[in-house]
């Protein structure tokens, strides 16, 4: 019975991938649920599994096939940091990397955990703890301060005060600023010379955030500190600013 169920899941995934190939404009989760004859939650679970494997990306128009399945490579020290953070917290974790091709986002979590981000930083990245880290420690222009929720900081002066606190503490926090019911915390990833290489972050339901904050902050600080010690001494890339483009990087 277990083998039959496993084969059924594989067949559903293959059917969905073939359907997405015929609909490059993107499809919604409800359409996927109708296609497979499954519940909406089951459709989301399958889509997110395919996203985490790099086969599917989420864009404004819905879910579509990734343009290219990444070739498996040896994980970099920073990618290993993402895995270590997940193993320590067992929460939805994110890694932002600054590359010559731009800002890339990678995620680690388990099925059923909240996943408010797609495979790329959204246009409202200033509302994220990860985005605040980039603005506080990187050389990025201030994006349009479009509100995502009623709690998004849209006043440049208020945001600058927030960024000063981030620089002073080395820790950025978001309290339902990007998604209602979701809060998070993030830290910078710095080279031994102090160059910004990216950011690590964790998101949890807001109802648990006050109780989980201390544990998450300690895990982030420890993983970031250890990662800085094992990074190779090489010139940091000059990244492009985050873009509203939804072209993703598998996670």
C-alpha atoms as a PDB file:
ATOM      1  CA  UNK A   1       0.000   0.000   0.000  1.00  0.00           C
ATOM      2  CA  UNK A   2       2.835   2.396   0.884  1.00  0.00           C
ATOM      3  CA  UNK A   3       4.508   1.700  -2.446  1.00  0.00           C
ATOM      4  CA  UNK A   4       1.270   2.373  -4.326  1.00  0.00           C
ATOM      5  CA  UNK A   5       0.825   5.661  -2.467  1.00  0.00           C
ATOM      6  CA  UNK A   6       4.424   6.635  -3.272  1.00  0.00           C
ATOM      7  CA  UNK A   7       3.948   5.858  -6.942  1.00  0.00           C
ATOM      8  CA  UNK A   8       0.721   7.856  -6.945  1.00  0.00           C
ATOM      9  CA  UNK A   9       2.541  10.893  -5.561  1.00  0.00           C
ATOM     10  CA  UNK A  10       5.255  10.584  -8.203  1.00  0.00           C
ATOM     11  CA  UNK A  11       2.638  10.232 -10.940  1.00  0.00           C
ATOM     12  CA  UNK A  12       0.835  13.318  -9.673  1.00  0.00           C
ATOM     13  CA  UNK A  13       4.087  15.275  -9.662  1.00  0.00           C
ATOM     14  CA  UNK A  14       4.887  14.203 -13.228  1.00  0.00           C
ATOM     15  CA  UNK A  15       1.370  15.049 -14.375  1.00  0.00           C
ATOM     16  CA  UNK A  16       1.617  18.461 -12.741  1.00  0.00           C
ATOM     17  CA  UNK A  17       5.025  19.182 -14.293  1.00  0.00           C
ATOM     18  CA  UNK A  18       3.679  18.261 -17.733  1.00  0.00           C
ATOM     19  CA  UNK A  19       0.685  20.553 -17.176  1.00  0.00           C
ATOM     20  CA  UNK A  20       2.925  23.431 -16.108  1.00  0.00           C
ATOM     21  CA  UNK A  21       5.049  22.907 -19.223  1.00  0.00           C
ATOM     22  CA  UNK A  22       1.892  23.484 -21.293  1.00  0.00           C
ATOM     23  CA  UNK A  23       0.998  26.615 -19.298  1.00  0.00           C
ATOM     24  CA  UNK A  24       4.145  28.773 -19.133  1.00  0.00           C
ATOM     25  CA  UNK A  25       2.035  31.762 -18.072  1.00  0.00           C
ATOM     26  CA  UNK A  26       1.576  30.119 -14.668  1.00  0.00           C
ATOM     27  CA  UNK A  27      -1.325  28.420 -12.903  1.00  0.00           C
ATOM     28  CA  UNK A  28      -2.990  28.866  -9.542  1.00  0.00           C
ATOM     29  CA  UNK A  29      -3.140  26.367  -6.699  1.00  0.00           C
ATOM     30  CA  UNK A  30      -6.913  25.933  -7.148  1.00  0.00           C
ATOM     31  CA  UNK A  31      -6.353  24.947 -10.767  1.00  0.00           C
ATOM     32  CA  UNK A  32      -3.752  22.406  -9.656  1.00  0.00           C
ATOM     33  CA  UNK A  33      -6.177  20.987  -7.085  1.00  0.00           C
ATOM     34  CA  UNK A  34      -8.855  20.556  -9.789  1.00  0.00           C
ATOM     35  CA  UNK A  35      -6.348  18.980 -12.170  1.00  0.00           C
ATOM     36  CA  UNK A  36      -5.251  16.374  -9.639  1.00  0.00           C
ATOM     37  CA  UNK A  37      -8.609  15.926  -7.933  1.00  0.00           C
ATOM     38  CA  UNK A  38      -7.032  16.843  -4.612  1.00  0.00           C
ATOM     39  CA  UNK A  39      -7.748  19.278  -1.810  1.00  0.00           C
ATOM     40  CA  UNK A  40      -6.253  22.756  -1.948  1.00  0.00           C
ATOM     41  CA  UNK A  41      -3.917  21.952   0.956  1.00  0.00           C
ATOM     42  CA  UNK A  42      -2.651  18.832  -0.856  1.00  0.00           C
ATOM     43  CA  UNK A  43      -2.058  20.886  -4.004  1.00  0.00           C
ATOM     44  CA  UNK A  44      -0.052  23.452  -2.028  1.00  0.00           C
ATOM     45  CA  UNK A  45       1.970  20.693  -0.363  1.00  0.00           C
ATOM     46  CA  UNK A  46       2.926  19.175  -3.723  1.00  0.00           C
ATOM     47  CA  UNK A  47       3.716  22.578  -5.240  1.00  0.00           C
ATOM     48  CA  UNK A  48       5.937  23.563  -2.321  1.00  0.00           C
ATOM     49  CA  UNK A  49       7.758  20.223  -2.485  1.00  0.00           C
ATOM     50  CA  UNK A  50       8.482  20.827  -6.169  1.00  0.00           C
ATOM     51  CA  UNK A  51       9.559  24.397  -5.380  1.00  0.00           C
ATOM     52  CA  UNK A  52      12.011  23.200  -2.750  1.00  0.00           C
ATOM     53  CA  UNK A  53      13.515  20.779  -5.275  1.00  0.00           C
ATOM     54  CA  UNK A  54      13.909  23.560  -7.835  1.00  0.00           C
ATOM     55  CA  UNK A  55      11.372  22.294 -10.388  1.00  0.00           C
ATOM     56  CA  UNK A  56       8.716  24.969  -9.817  1.00  0.00           C
ATOM     57  CA  UNK A  57       8.810  28.685  -8.997  1.00  0.00           C
ATOM     58  CA  UNK A  58       6.082  31.014  -7.771  1.00  0.00           C
ATOM     59  CA  UNK A  59       5.493  34.281  -9.608  1.00  0.00           C
ATOM     60  CA  UNK A  60       2.819  36.967  -9.825  1.00  0.00           C
ATOM     61  CA  UNK A  61       0.905  34.879 -12.383  1.00  0.00           C
ATOM     62  CA  UNK A  62       0.994  31.738 -10.268  1.00  0.00           C
ATOM     63  CA  UNK A  63       3.168  28.641 -10.261  1.00  0.00           C
ATOM     64  CA  UNK A  64       5.259  27.723 -13.287  1.00  0.00           C
ATOM     65  CA  UNK A  65       8.163  25.516 -14.267  1.00  0.00           C
ATOM     66  CA  UNK A  66      11.591  26.729 -13.250  1.00  0.00           C
ATOM     67  CA  UNK A  67      13.563  27.826 -16.288  1.00  0.00           C
ATOM     68  CA  UNK A  68      16.371  25.460 -15.507  1.00  0.00           C
ATOM     69  CA  UNK A  69      16.789  22.696 -12.965  1.00  0.00           C
ATOM     70  CA  UNK A  70      19.996  23.501 -11.088  1.00  0.00           C
ATOM     71  CA  UNK A  71      22.861  21.060 -11.382  1.00  0.00           C
ATOM     72  CA  UNK A  72      23.564  19.616  -7.920  1.00  0.00           C
ATOM     73  CA  UNK A  73      26.754  21.112  -6.540  1.00  0.00           C
ATOM     74  CA  UNK A  74      28.694  20.709  -3.345  1.00  0.00           C
ATOM     75  CA  UNK A  75      27.069  23.000  -0.787  1.00  0.00           C
ATOM     76  CA  UNK A  76      28.962  26.184  -0.040  1.00  0.00           C
ATOM     77  CA  UNK A  77      29.762  27.101   3.572  1.00  0.00           C
ATOM     78  CA  UNK A  78      26.855  29.534   3.554  1.00  0.00           C
ATOM     79  CA  UNK A  79      24.449  26.897   2.229  1.00  0.00           C
ATOM     80  CA  UNK A  80      25.688  24.609   4.986  1.00  0.00           C
ATOM     81  CA  UNK A  81      24.901  27.425   7.414  1.00  0.00           C
ATOM     82  CA  UNK A  82      21.275  27.335   6.256  1.00  0.00           C
ATOM     83  CA  UNK A  83      21.094  23.602   6.928  1.00  0.00           C
ATOM     84  CA  UNK A  84      22.715  24.028  10.339  1.00  0.00           C
ATOM     85  CA  UNK A  85      20.251  26.772  11.234  1.00  0.00           C
ATOM     86  CA  UNK A  86      17.336  24.540  10.299  1.00  0.00           C
ATOM     87  CA  UNK A  87      18.710  21.629  12.328  1.00  0.00           C
ATOM     88  CA  UNK A  88      19.038  23.895  15.356  1.00  0.00           C
ATOM     89  CA  UNK A  89      15.644  25.569  15.098  1.00  0.00           C
ATOM     90  CA  UNK A  90      13.421  23.190  13.081  1.00  0.00           C
ATOM     91  CA  UNK A  91      11.643  26.301  11.816  1.00  0.00           C
ATOM     92  CA  UNK A  92      11.283  27.844   8.346  1.00  0.00           C
ATOM     93  CA  UNK A  93      14.763  29.216   7.578  1.00  0.00           C
ATOM     94  CA  UNK A  94      16.007  31.467   4.791  1.00  0.00           C
ATOM     95  CA  UNK A  95      19.379  32.274   3.274  1.00  0.00           C
ATOM     96  CA  UNK A  96      19.984  35.356   1.141  1.00  0.00           C
ATOM     97  CA  UNK A  97      23.169  35.299  -0.939  1.00  0.00           C
ATOM     98  CA  UNK A  98      24.715  38.235  -2.774  1.00  0.00           C
ATOM     99  CA  UNK A  99      26.038  37.013  -6.116  1.00  0.00           C
ATOM    100  CA  UNK A 100      27.285  38.697  -9.306  1.00  0.00           C
ATOM    101  CA  UNK A 101      23.927  37.728 -10.859  1.00  0.00           C
ATOM    102  CA  UNK A 102      21.972  39.465  -8.117  1.00  0.00           C
ATOM    103  CA  UNK A 103      20.351  38.600  -4.816  1.00  0.00           C
ATOM    104  CA  UNK A 104      19.352  34.946  -4.466  1.00  0.00           C
ATOM    105  CA  UNK A 105      17.043  33.368  -1.899  1.00  0.00           C
ATOM    106  CA  UNK A 106      17.186  29.816  -0.590  1.00  0.00           C
ATOM    107  CA  UNK A 107      14.893  28.234   1.991  1.00  0.00           C
ATOM    108  CA  UNK A 108      14.876  25.208   4.267  1.00  0.00           C
ATOM    109  CA  UNK A 109      11.935  23.834   6.168  1.00  0.00           C
ATOM    110  CA  UNK A 110       9.541  20.950   6.304  1.00  0.00           C
ATOM    111  CA  UNK A 111       6.186  20.306   4.706  1.00  0.00           C
ATOM    112  CA  UNK A 112       3.369  22.126   6.427  1.00  0.00           C
ATOM    113  CA  UNK A 113       5.504  24.989   7.749  1.00  0.00           C
ATOM    114  CA  UNK A 114       4.590  28.510   6.732  1.00  0.00           C
ATOM    115  CA  UNK A 115       6.400  29.708   3.617  1.00  0.00           C
ATOM    116  CA  UNK A 116       5.328  33.296   2.852  1.00  0.00           C
ATOM    117  CA  UNK A 117       8.163  33.931   0.403  1.00  0.00           C
ATOM    118  CA  UNK A 118       8.623  32.437  -3.037  1.00  0.00           C
ATOM    119  CA  UNK A 119      12.006  31.771  -4.593  1.00  0.00           C
ATOM    120  CA  UNK A 120      13.120  35.402  -4.857  1.00  0.00           C
ATOM    121  CA  UNK A 121      12.929  38.485  -2.694  1.00  0.00           C
ATOM    122  CA  UNK A 122       9.616  40.278  -3.297  1.00  0.00           C
ATOM    123  CA  UNK A 123       9.276  43.935  -4.354  1.00  0.00           C
ATOM    124  CA  UNK A 124       8.400  44.772  -0.727  1.00  0.00           C
ATOM    125  CA  UNK A 125      11.686  43.357   0.587  1.00  0.00           C
ATOM    126  CA  UNK A 126      12.095  46.319   2.938  1.00  0.00           C
ATOM    127  CA  UNK A 127       9.295  44.755   5.020  1.00  0.00           C
ATOM    128  CA  UNK A 128      11.384  41.634   5.703  1.00  0.00           C
ATOM    129  CA  UNK A 129      13.921  41.172   8.472  1.00  0.00           C
ATOM    130  CA  UNK A 130      16.194  39.830   5.716  1.00  0.00           C
ATOM    131  CA  UNK A 131      15.650  43.022   3.726  1.00  0.00           C
ATOM    132  CA  UNK A 132      16.432  45.210   6.726  1.00  0.00           C
ATOM    133  CA  UNK A 133      19.762  43.395   7.083  1.00  0.00           C
ATOM    134  CA  UNK A 134      20.599  44.121   3.438  1.00  0.00           C
ATOM    135  CA  UNK A 135      19.673  47.786   3.828  1.00  0.00           C
ATOM    136  CA  UNK A 136      21.523  48.158   7.138  1.00  0.00           C
ATOM    137  CA  UNK A 137      24.782  46.464   6.184  1.00  0.00           C
ATOM    138  CA  UNK A 138      24.816  46.588   2.377  1.00  0.00           C
ATOM    139  CA  UNK A 139      25.093  49.297  -0.228  1.00  0.00           C
ATOM    140  CA  UNK A 140      21.562  49.131  -1.602  1.00  0.00           C
ATOM    141  CA  UNK A 141      19.309  52.040  -2.575  1.00  0.00           C
ATOM    142  CA  UNK A 142      16.102  52.361  -0.607  1.00  0.00           C
ATOM    143  CA  UNK A 143      13.293  50.603  -2.520  1.00  0.00           C
ATOM    144  CA  UNK A 144       9.794  52.085  -2.877  1.00  0.00           C
ATOM    145  CA  UNK A 145       8.299  51.763   0.610  1.00  0.00           C
ATOM    146  CA  UNK A 146       5.116  50.072  -0.522  1.00  0.00           C
ATOM    147  CA  UNK A 147       3.011  48.745   2.364  1.00  0.00           C
ATOM    148  CA  UNK A 148       2.462  45.005   2.473  1.00  0.00           C
ATOM    149  CA  UNK A 149       0.443  44.980   5.708  1.00  0.00           C
ATOM    150  CA  UNK A 150      -0.807  47.728   8.054  1.00  0.00           C
ATOM    151  CA  UNK A 151       2.441  47.264  10.018  1.00  0.00           C
ATOM    152  CA  UNK A 152       4.897  47.814   7.156  1.00  0.00           C
ATOM    153  CA  UNK A 153       7.265  50.739   7.732  1.00  0.00           C
ATOM    154  CA  UNK A 154       6.600  53.232   4.935  1.00  0.00           C
ATOM    155  CA  UNK A 155       8.139  56.372   6.470  1.00  0.00           C
ATOM    156  CA  UNK A 156      11.810  56.703   5.353  1.00  0.00           C
ATOM    157  CA  UNK A 157      12.784  58.351   8.653  1.00  0.00           C
ATOM    158  CA  UNK A 158      11.143  55.608  10.702  1.00  0.00           C
ATOM    159  CA  UNK A 159      12.830  52.955   8.584  1.00  0.00           C
ATOM    160  CA  UNK A 160      16.221  54.652   8.987  1.00  0.00           C
ATOM    161  CA  UNK A 161      15.779  54.626  12.767  1.00  0.00           C
ATOM    162  CA  UNK A 162      14.982  50.928  12.528  1.00  0.00           C
ATOM    163  CA  UNK A 163      18.114  50.326  10.433  1.00  0.00           C
ATOM    164  CA  UNK A 164      20.235  52.125  13.042  1.00  0.00           C
ATOM    165  CA  UNK A 165      18.968  49.667  15.637  1.00  0.00           C
ATOM    166  CA  UNK A 166      19.770  46.787  13.288  1.00  0.00           C
ATOM    167  CA  UNK A 167      23.351  48.037  12.821  1.00  0.00           C
ATOM    168  CA  UNK A 168      23.796  48.492  16.556  1.00  0.00           C
ATOM    169  CA  UNK A 169      22.418  45.093  17.563  1.00  0.00           C
ATOM    170  CA  UNK A 170      23.345  43.012  14.513  1.00  0.00           C
ATOM    171  CA  UNK A 171      19.792  41.707  14.530  1.00  0.00           C
ATOM    172  CA  UNK A 172      16.731  42.608  12.427  1.00  0.00           C
ATOM    173  CA  UNK A 173      13.142  41.845  13.372  1.00  0.00           C
ATOM    174  CA  UNK A 174       9.864  41.891  11.452  1.00  0.00           C
ATOM    175  CA  UNK A 175       6.544  41.818  13.290  1.00  0.00           C
ATOM    176  CA  UNK A 176       3.817  41.029  10.747  1.00  0.00           C
ATOM    177  CA  UNK A 177       5.296  43.693   8.449  1.00  0.00           C
ATOM    178  CA  UNK A 178       5.296  41.429   5.395  1.00  0.00           C
ATOM    179  CA  UNK A 179       2.588  38.876   6.196  1.00  0.00           C
ATOM    180  CA  UNK A 180      -0.088  38.969   8.873  1.00  0.00           C
ATOM    181  CA  UNK A 181       0.398  36.234  11.427  1.00  0.00           C
ATOM    182  CA  UNK A 182       4.077  35.787  10.537  1.00  0.00           C
ATOM    183  CA  UNK A 183       7.082  37.278  12.333  1.00  0.00           C
ATOM    184  CA  UNK A 184      10.789  36.752  11.850  1.00  0.00           C
ATOM    185  CA  UNK A 185      14.336  37.609  12.777  1.00  0.00           C
ATOM    186  CA  UNK A 186      17.516  37.808  10.670  1.00  0.00           C
ATOM    187  CA  UNK A 187      21.252  38.446  10.984  1.00  0.00           C
ATOM    188  CA  UNK A 188      23.945  39.464   8.481  1.00  0.00           C
ATOM    189  CA  UNK A 189      26.507  37.055   7.083  1.00  0.00           C
ATOM    190  CA  UNK A 190      29.824  38.879   7.017  1.00  0.00           C
ATOM    191  CA  UNK A 191      33.220  37.889   5.662  1.00  0.00           C
ATOM    192  CA  UNK A 192      36.208  37.949   8.051  1.00  0.00           C
ATOM    193  CA  UNK A 193      36.927  41.415   6.636  1.00  0.00           C
ATOM    194  CA  UNK A 194      33.415  42.608   7.444  1.00  0.00           C
ATOM    195  CA  UNK A 195      31.952  42.514   3.915  1.00  0.00           C
ATOM    196  CA  UNK A 196      28.265  41.668   3.639  1.00  0.00           C
ATOM    197  CA  UNK A 197      27.824  38.322   1.887  1.00  0.00           C
ATOM    198  CA  UNK A 198      24.181  37.686   2.671  1.00  0.00           C
ATOM    199  CA  UNK A 199      21.748  37.110   5.504  1.00  0.00           C
ATOM    200  CA  UNK A 200      20.188  34.301   7.499  1.00  0.00           C
ATOM    201  CA  UNK A 201      16.638  34.466   8.781  1.00  0.00           C
ATOM    202  CA  UNK A 202      13.909  32.469  10.513  1.00  0.00           C
ATOM    203  CA  UNK A 203      10.126  32.907  10.325  1.00  0.00           C
ATOM    204  CA  UNK A 204       7.536  31.566  12.762  1.00  0.00           C
ATOM    205  CA  UNK A 205       3.854  32.180  13.479  1.00  0.00           C
ATOM    206  CA  UNK A 206       3.469  35.453  15.370  1.00  0.00           C
ATOM    207  CA  UNK A 207       1.714  33.771  18.277  1.00  0.00           C
ATOM    208  CA  UNK A 208       4.924  31.829  19.029  1.00  0.00           C
ATOM    209  CA  UNK A 209       7.402  34.584  18.220  1.00  0.00           C
ATOM    210  CA  UNK A 210       7.707  36.183  21.709  1.00  0.00           C
ATOM    211  CA  UNK A 211       8.472  32.788  23.250  1.00  0.00           C
ATOM    212  CA  UNK A 212      10.805  31.616  20.457  1.00  0.00           C
ATOM    213  CA  UNK A 213      12.697  34.875  19.934  1.00  0.00           C
ATOM    214  CA  UNK A 214      15.558  34.238  22.371  1.00  0.00           C
ATOM    215  CA  UNK A 215      16.180  30.731  21.074  1.00  0.00           C
ATOM    216  CA  UNK A 216      16.085  31.839  17.436  1.00  0.00           C
ATOM    217  CA  UNK A 217      18.335  34.860  18.003  1.00  0.00           C
ATOM    218  CA  UNK A 218      20.970  32.716  19.735  1.00  0.00           C
ATOM    219  CA  UNK A 219      20.904  30.103  16.977  1.00  0.00           C
ATOM    220  CA  UNK A 220      21.237  32.764  14.277  1.00  0.00           C
ATOM    221  CA  UNK A 221      24.142  34.488  16.028  1.00  0.00           C
ATOM    222  CA  UNK A 222      26.017  31.237  16.623  1.00  0.00           C
ATOM    223  CA  UNK A 223      25.574  29.917  13.085  1.00  0.00           C
ATOM    224  CA  UNK A 224      26.551  33.256  11.530  1.00  0.00           C
ATOM    225  CA  UNK A 225      29.656  33.492  13.720  1.00  0.00           C
ATOM    226  CA  UNK A 226      30.828  29.974  12.879  1.00  0.00           C
ATOM    227  CA  UNK A 227      30.129  30.490   9.166  1.00  0.00           C
ATOM    228  CA  UNK A 228      32.345  33.580   9.077  1.00  0.00           C
ATOM    229  CA  UNK A 229      35.248  31.542  10.438  1.00  0.00           C
ATOM    230  CA  UNK A 230      35.124  28.914   7.684  1.00  0.00           C
ATOM    231  CA  UNK A 231      34.612  31.181   4.677  1.00  0.00           C
ATOM    232  CA  UNK A 232      37.405  31.117   2.067  1.00  0.00           C
ATOM    233  CA  UNK A 233      39.374  34.319   1.697  1.00  0.00           C
ATOM    234  CA  UNK A 234      38.202  35.593  -1.666  1.00  0.00           C
ATOM    235  CA  UNK A 235      36.894  38.812  -3.082  1.00  0.00           C
ATOM    236  CA  UNK A 236      33.239  39.354  -2.281  1.00  0.00           C
ATOM    237  CA  UNK A 237      31.055  39.780  -5.390  1.00  0.00           C
ATOM    238  CA  UNK A 238      29.407  43.057  -6.212  1.00  0.00           C
ATOM    239  CA  UNK A 239      25.693  42.223  -6.245  1.00  0.00           C
ATOM    240  CA  UNK A 240      22.866  43.937  -8.043  1.00  0.00           C
ATOM    241  CA  UNK A 241      20.089  45.361  -5.887  1.00  0.00           C
ATOM    242  CA  UNK A 242      17.066  43.138  -5.259  1.00  0.00           C
ATOM    243  CA  UNK A 243      14.626  43.302  -8.135  1.00  0.00           C
ATOM    244  CA  UNK A 244      10.879  42.732  -8.367  1.00  0.00           C
ATOM    245  CA  UNK A 245      11.753  39.977 -10.844  1.00  0.00           C
ATOM    246  CA  UNK A 246      10.441  36.607  -9.755  1.00  0.00           C
ATOM    247  CA  UNK A 247      13.204  34.599 -11.377  1.00  0.00           C
ATOM    248  CA  UNK A 248      14.175  32.244  -8.621  1.00  0.00           C
ATOM    249  CA  UNK A 249      16.899  30.142  -7.214  1.00  0.00           C
ATOM    250  CA  UNK A 250      15.923  26.730  -5.970  1.00  0.00           C
ATOM    251  CA  UNK A 251      15.646  26.085  -2.317  1.00  0.00           C
END
